[in-house]
Amino acid sequence: MADTTTSSNAPPSAAEPVVDAAERARRQRGKNLALFFSLLGFVALIYVVAIVRMGLHAQGQ
């Protein structure tokens, strides 16, 4: 049976790159901001679609 304990395809002897705490925090903040703006855009899209559909319904179409 194959060993499935590692999640990457790298050999177990490969060293992970060393990233300091400030760089890690900067990357995490970038990911958080990207997620925030993605969710904000999705909510805005749903809001606009709902308003348009209600407007069409009020006109009798």
N, C-alpha and C. Protein backbone atom coordinates (compact mmCIF):
# COMPACT_ATOMS: atom_id res chain seq x y z
N MET A 1 0.85 -1.18 0.00
CA MET A 1 0.00 0.00 0.00
C MET A 1 0.89 1.24 0.00
N ALA A 2 0.51 2.26 -0.72
CA ALA A 2 1.32 3.48 -0.86
C ALA A 2 1.22 4.33 0.41
N ASP A 3 2.29 5.03 0.69
CA ASP A 3 2.32 5.93 1.83
C ASP A 3 1.60 7.22 1.46
N THR A 4 0.54 7.56 2.17
CA THR A 4 -0.26 8.75 1.86
C THR A 4 -0.15 9.81 2.94
N THR A 5 0.90 9.77 3.75
CA THR A 5 1.01 10.74 4.84
C THR A 5 1.49 12.10 4.38
N THR A 6 2.17 12.18 3.24
CA THR A 6 2.63 13.48 2.74
C THR A 6 1.64 14.00 1.71
N SER A 7 1.40 15.30 1.73
CA SER A 7 0.41 15.89 0.83
C SER A 7 1.03 16.45 -0.44
N SER A 8 2.35 16.52 -0.49
CA SER A 8 2.99 17.08 -1.68
C SER A 8 3.70 15.96 -2.44
N ASN A 9 4.09 16.26 -3.66
CA ASN A 9 4.80 15.30 -4.49
C ASN A 9 6.30 15.36 -4.28
N ALA A 10 6.76 16.28 -3.45
CA ALA A 10 8.19 16.43 -3.20
C ALA A 10 8.70 15.25 -2.38
N PRO A 11 9.92 14.86 -2.60
CA PRO A 11 10.47 13.78 -1.78
C PRO A 11 10.59 14.23 -0.33
N PRO A 12 10.53 13.30 0.61
CA PRO A 12 10.57 13.68 2.03
C PRO A 12 11.84 14.41 2.43
N SER A 13 12.93 14.22 1.70
CA SER A 13 14.19 14.86 2.07
C SER A 13 14.28 16.32 1.61
N ALA A 14 13.33 16.76 0.77
CA ALA A 14 13.38 18.14 0.27
C ALA A 14 13.03 19.10 1.40
N ALA A 15 13.84 20.13 1.56
CA ALA A 15 13.62 21.12 2.62
C ALA A 15 12.61 22.15 2.16
N GLU A 16 11.75 22.55 3.08
CA GLU A 16 10.78 23.61 2.81
C GLU A 16 11.52 24.95 2.79
N PRO A 17 11.11 25.89 1.91
CA PRO A 17 11.76 27.19 1.91
C PRO A 17 11.47 27.93 3.22
N VAL A 18 12.47 28.61 3.71
CA VAL A 18 12.33 29.33 4.97
C VAL A 18 11.72 30.70 4.67
N VAL A 19 10.58 30.98 5.29
CA VAL A 19 9.89 32.25 5.10
C VAL A 19 9.74 32.87 6.48
N ASP A 20 10.19 34.12 6.62
CA ASP A 20 10.09 34.76 7.93
C ASP A 20 8.65 35.14 8.24
N ALA A 21 8.40 35.49 9.48
CA ALA A 21 7.05 35.77 9.95
C ALA A 21 6.44 36.98 9.24
N ALA A 22 7.23 37.99 8.95
CA ALA A 22 6.70 39.19 8.29
C ALA A 22 6.23 38.86 6.87
N GLU A 23 7.01 38.05 6.15
CA GLU A 23 6.62 37.66 4.79
C GLU A 23 5.36 36.80 4.81
N ARG A 24 5.30 35.89 5.77
CA ARG A 24 4.13 35.02 5.89
C ARG A 24 2.88 35.85 6.21
N ALA A 25 3.01 36.84 7.09
CA ALA A 25 1.89 37.71 7.44
C ALA A 25 1.45 38.55 6.24
N ARG A 26 2.42 39.02 5.44
CA ARG A 26 2.10 39.82 4.27
C ARG A 26 1.33 38.97 3.25
N ARG A 27 1.78 37.74 3.04
CA ARG A 27 1.09 36.86 2.09
C ARG A 27 -0.32 36.53 2.57
N GLN A 28 -0.46 36.27 3.89
CA GLN A 28 -1.77 35.94 4.43
C GLN A 28 -2.72 37.13 4.30
N ARG A 29 -2.20 38.34 4.53
CA ARG A 29 -3.04 39.54 4.39
C ARG A 29 -3.49 39.69 2.94
N GLY A 30 -2.61 39.42 1.99
CA GLY A 30 -2.99 39.48 0.58
C GLY A 30 -4.08 38.48 0.24
N LYS A 31 -3.95 37.27 0.77
CA LYS A 31 -4.98 36.25 0.54
C LYS A 31 -6.30 36.66 1.18
N ASN A 32 -6.23 37.21 2.38
CA ASN A 32 -7.45 37.66 3.06
C ASN A 32 -8.14 38.77 2.28
N LEU A 33 -7.36 39.72 1.77
CA LEU A 33 -7.95 40.82 0.99
C LEU A 33 -8.57 40.30 -0.30
N ALA A 34 -7.90 39.36 -0.96
CA ALA A 34 -8.45 38.78 -2.18
C ALA A 34 -9.78 38.07 -1.90
N LEU A 35 -9.84 37.34 -0.82
CA LEU A 35 -11.08 36.66 -0.44
C LEU A 35 -12.17 37.67 -0.11
N PHE A 36 -11.82 38.72 0.63
CA PHE A 36 -12.78 39.76 0.99
C PHE A 36 -13.39 40.41 -0.25
N PHE A 37 -12.55 40.80 -1.20
CA PHE A 37 -13.06 41.47 -2.40
C PHE A 37 -13.84 40.51 -3.29
N SER A 38 -13.45 39.25 -3.30
CA SER A 38 -14.21 38.26 -4.06
C SER A 38 -15.61 38.09 -3.48
N LEU A 39 -15.68 37.96 -2.17
CA LEU A 39 -16.99 37.82 -1.52
C LEU A 39 -17.83 39.08 -1.67
N LEU A 40 -17.20 40.23 -1.56
CA LEU A 40 -17.90 41.50 -1.73
C LEU A 40 -18.48 41.61 -3.14
N GLY A 41 -17.71 41.23 -4.14
CA GLY A 41 -18.20 41.24 -5.52
C GLY A 41 -19.35 40.28 -5.72
N PHE A 42 -19.26 39.10 -5.12
CA PHE A 42 -20.34 38.12 -5.24
C PHE A 42 -21.63 38.64 -4.60
N VAL A 43 -21.51 39.22 -3.42
CA VAL A 43 -22.69 39.77 -2.74
C VAL A 43 -23.29 40.91 -3.57
N ALA A 44 -22.46 41.78 -4.13
CA ALA A 44 -22.94 42.88 -4.97
C ALA A 44 -23.66 42.33 -6.21
N LEU A 45 -23.11 41.28 -6.81
CA LEU A 45 -23.75 40.67 -7.98
C LEU A 45 -25.13 40.11 -7.62
N ILE A 46 -25.23 39.39 -6.52
CA ILE A 46 -26.51 38.83 -6.08
C ILE A 46 -27.50 39.97 -5.79
N TYR A 47 -27.04 41.04 -5.17
CA TYR A 47 -27.90 42.18 -4.86
C TYR A 47 -28.44 42.81 -6.14
N VAL A 48 -27.59 43.04 -7.11
CA VAL A 48 -28.01 43.66 -8.37
C VAL A 48 -29.00 42.76 -9.10
N VAL A 49 -28.72 41.46 -9.15
CA VAL A 49 -29.64 40.53 -9.82
C VAL A 49 -30.99 40.53 -9.12
N ALA A 50 -31.01 40.56 -7.80
CA ALA A 50 -32.27 40.58 -7.05
C ALA A 50 -33.05 41.86 -7.33
N ILE A 51 -32.39 42.99 -7.35
CA ILE A 51 -33.07 44.26 -7.62
C ILE A 51 -33.64 44.27 -9.03
N VAL A 52 -32.90 43.80 -10.01
CA VAL A 52 -33.37 43.76 -11.39
C VAL A 52 -34.58 42.85 -11.51
N ARG A 53 -34.51 41.69 -10.87
CA ARG A 53 -35.64 40.74 -10.97
C ARG A 53 -36.87 41.31 -10.30
N MET A 54 -36.72 42.00 -9.16
CA MET A 54 -37.87 42.61 -8.51
C MET A 54 -38.44 43.73 -9.36
N GLY A 55 -37.59 44.48 -10.03
CA GLY A 55 -38.05 45.54 -10.89
C GLY A 55 -38.84 45.00 -12.08
N LEU A 56 -38.39 43.89 -12.64
CA LEU A 56 -39.11 43.28 -13.75
C LEU A 56 -40.44 42.71 -13.28
N HIS A 57 -40.46 42.15 -12.09
CA HIS A 57 -41.69 41.58 -11.55
C HIS A 57 -42.72 42.67 -11.29
N ALA A 58 -42.28 43.83 -10.82
CA ALA A 58 -43.19 44.95 -10.51
C ALA A 58 -43.81 45.52 -11.80
N GLN A 59 -43.12 45.38 -12.92
CA GLN A 59 -43.63 45.89 -14.19
C GLN A 59 -44.62 44.91 -14.82
N GLY A 60 -44.75 43.73 -14.27
CA GLY A 60 -45.71 42.78 -14.79
C GLY A 60 -45.16 41.86 -15.87
N GLN A 61 -43.88 41.72 -16.01
CA GLN A 61 -43.31 40.83 -17.02
C GLN A 61 -43.04 39.47 -16.48
